[in-house]
Amino acid sequence: IPTCMNQLQGWALSAKFCVSIFAFLTGWTYFHHLDKSCAYSLKKIASCLVEYGVLVAAMIALASLFCGYEPSLSGCVKELFPLGCFHKLMMFAWYIRFYLVVLLLLPFLGADMH
């Protein structure tokens, strides 16, 4: 697993600039979106978590097949919920937590944007 994890960390480091652009574009598109309600944010959060779940399932499958990762039920559940720092596979997915927090705060911060 360590060799595979080193490769994943290398890919994650190269994407730091992309995450910054993503954060900027998230705020910019939210600013220009007409619906700045909590319902809109919750809809975006649900969509994000579904896509994240698909990505986690793919990563678990690939790590199991090629890196010798032995998934347990509790390990898979921990990987699926991006709320803590106990990830073995998705340790570079801190931006998911960032995105969820931003989407929860933007309806309140953006109430006076227009």
Protein backbone atom coordinates (compact mmCIF):
# COMPACT_ATOMS: atom_id res chain seq x y z
CA ILE A 1 0.00 0.00 0.00
CA PRO A 2 2.75 2.60 0.74
CA THR A 3 3.91 2.79 -2.89
CA CYS A 4 0.36 3.30 -4.09
CA MET A 5 -0.29 5.87 -1.36
CA ASN A 6 2.85 7.79 -2.35
CA GLN A 7 1.54 8.00 -5.91
CA LEU A 8 -1.86 9.22 -4.70
CA GLN A 9 -0.19 11.85 -2.52
CA GLY A 10 1.91 12.97 -5.48
CA TRP A 11 -1.21 13.45 -7.57
CA ALA A 12 -2.86 15.30 -4.71
CA LEU A 13 0.07 17.70 -4.36
CA SER A 14 -0.02 18.53 -8.05
CA ALA A 15 -3.72 19.41 -7.74
CA LYS A 16 -3.35 22.08 -5.03
CA PHE A 17 -3.48 24.87 -7.59
CA CYS A 18 -6.61 23.36 -9.12
CA VAL A 19 -8.31 23.28 -5.71
CA SER A 20 -7.63 27.01 -5.29
CA ILE A 21 -9.21 27.71 -8.67
CA PHE A 22 -12.15 25.47 -7.72
CA ALA A 23 -12.68 27.41 -4.46
CA PHE A 24 -12.61 30.73 -6.33
CA LEU A 25 -15.02 29.53 -9.00
CA THR A 26 -17.39 28.12 -6.35
CA GLY A 27 -17.69 31.51 -4.68
CA TRP A 28 -17.89 33.41 -7.96
CA THR A 29 -20.64 31.23 -9.44
CA TYR A 30 -22.55 31.31 -6.16
CA PHE A 31 -22.36 35.11 -6.19
CA HIS A 32 -23.93 35.21 -9.66
CA HIS A 33 -26.55 32.54 -8.98
CA LEU A 34 -30.03 33.94 -8.36
CA ASP A 35 -31.08 31.36 -5.77
CA LYS A 36 -28.95 31.79 -2.65
CA SER A 37 -31.21 29.78 -0.34
CA CYS A 38 -30.39 27.04 2.14
CA ALA A 39 -32.39 24.62 -0.03
CA TYR A 40 -30.10 25.36 -2.99
CA SER A 41 -27.02 24.77 -0.83
CA LEU A 42 -28.42 21.50 0.53
CA LYS A 43 -29.16 20.35 -3.02
CA LYS A 44 -25.56 21.11 -4.01
CA ILE A 45 -24.24 19.30 -0.91
CA ALA A 46 -26.31 16.20 -1.71
CA SER A 47 -25.03 16.22 -5.29
CA CYS A 48 -21.44 16.58 -4.08
CA LEU A 49 -21.77 13.71 -1.61
CA VAL A 50 -23.22 11.39 -4.26
CA GLU A 51 -20.33 12.15 -6.63
CA TYR A 52 -17.84 11.77 -3.78
CA GLY A 53 -19.37 8.38 -2.89
CA VAL A 54 -18.91 7.15 -6.45
CA LEU A 55 -15.28 8.31 -6.39
CA VAL A 56 -14.65 6.62 -3.03
CA ALA A 57 -16.14 3.36 -4.30
CA ALA A 58 -13.86 3.50 -7.34
CA MET A 59 -10.80 4.27 -5.18
CA ILE A 60 -11.59 1.39 -2.81
CA ALA A 61 -11.98 -0.98 -5.76
CA LEU A 62 -8.72 0.16 -7.38
CA ALA A 63 -6.77 0.06 -4.10
CA SER A 64 -8.13 -3.42 -3.40
CA LEU A 65 -7.22 -4.74 -6.84
CA PHE A 66 -3.83 -3.12 -7.36
CA CYS A 67 -2.46 -2.04 -3.97
CA GLY A 68 -3.42 -4.84 -1.63
CA TYR A 69 -5.88 -2.72 0.34
CA GLU A 70 -8.22 -4.90 2.41
CA PRO A 71 -11.40 -2.92 3.00
CA SER A 72 -13.50 -3.49 6.09
CA LEU A 73 -17.05 -2.31 6.56
CA SER A 74 -16.01 0.27 9.14
CA GLY A 75 -13.12 1.41 6.92
CA CYS A 76 -15.44 1.89 3.95
CA VAL A 77 -17.91 3.85 6.07
CA LYS A 78 -15.10 6.10 7.35
CA GLU A 79 -13.94 6.73 3.80
CA LEU A 80 -17.47 7.59 2.63
CA PHE A 81 -18.04 10.32 5.21
CA PRO A 82 -15.61 13.19 4.63
CA LEU A 83 -15.95 14.56 8.17
CA GLY A 84 -12.83 13.39 9.95
CA CYS A 85 -9.12 12.88 9.51
CA PHE A 86 -9.15 9.09 9.64
CA HIS A 87 -9.03 8.35 5.92
CA LYS A 88 -6.57 5.80 4.58
CA LEU A 89 -7.45 6.24 0.90
CA MET A 90 -9.05 9.66 0.63
CA MET A 91 -6.56 11.56 2.80
CA PHE A 92 -6.25 14.23 0.14
CA ALA A 93 -10.01 14.95 0.02
CA TRP A 94 -9.90 17.80 2.56
CA TYR A 95 -11.47 20.04 -0.06
CA ILE A 96 -14.74 18.10 0.24
CA ARG A 97 -15.03 19.23 3.87
CA PHE A 98 -14.12 22.75 2.75
CA TYR A 99 -16.80 22.73 0.05
CA LEU A 100 -19.48 21.44 2.45
CA VAL A 101 -18.68 24.13 5.03
CA VAL A 102 -18.63 26.85 2.38
CA LEU A 103 -22.00 25.75 1.01
CA LEU A 104 -23.46 25.75 4.51
CA LEU A 105 -22.18 29.27 5.21
CA LEU A 106 -22.78 30.98 1.86
CA PRO A 107 -26.58 31.41 2.24
CA PHE A 108 -25.91 33.45 5.38
CA LEU A 109 -22.84 35.28 4.10
CA GLY A 110 -24.35 35.95 0.69
CA ALA A 111 -27.72 37.30 1.86
CA ASP A 112 -26.69 40.87 0.99
CA MET A 113 -24.71 40.19 -2.18
CA HIS A 114 -27.18 41.69 -4.67
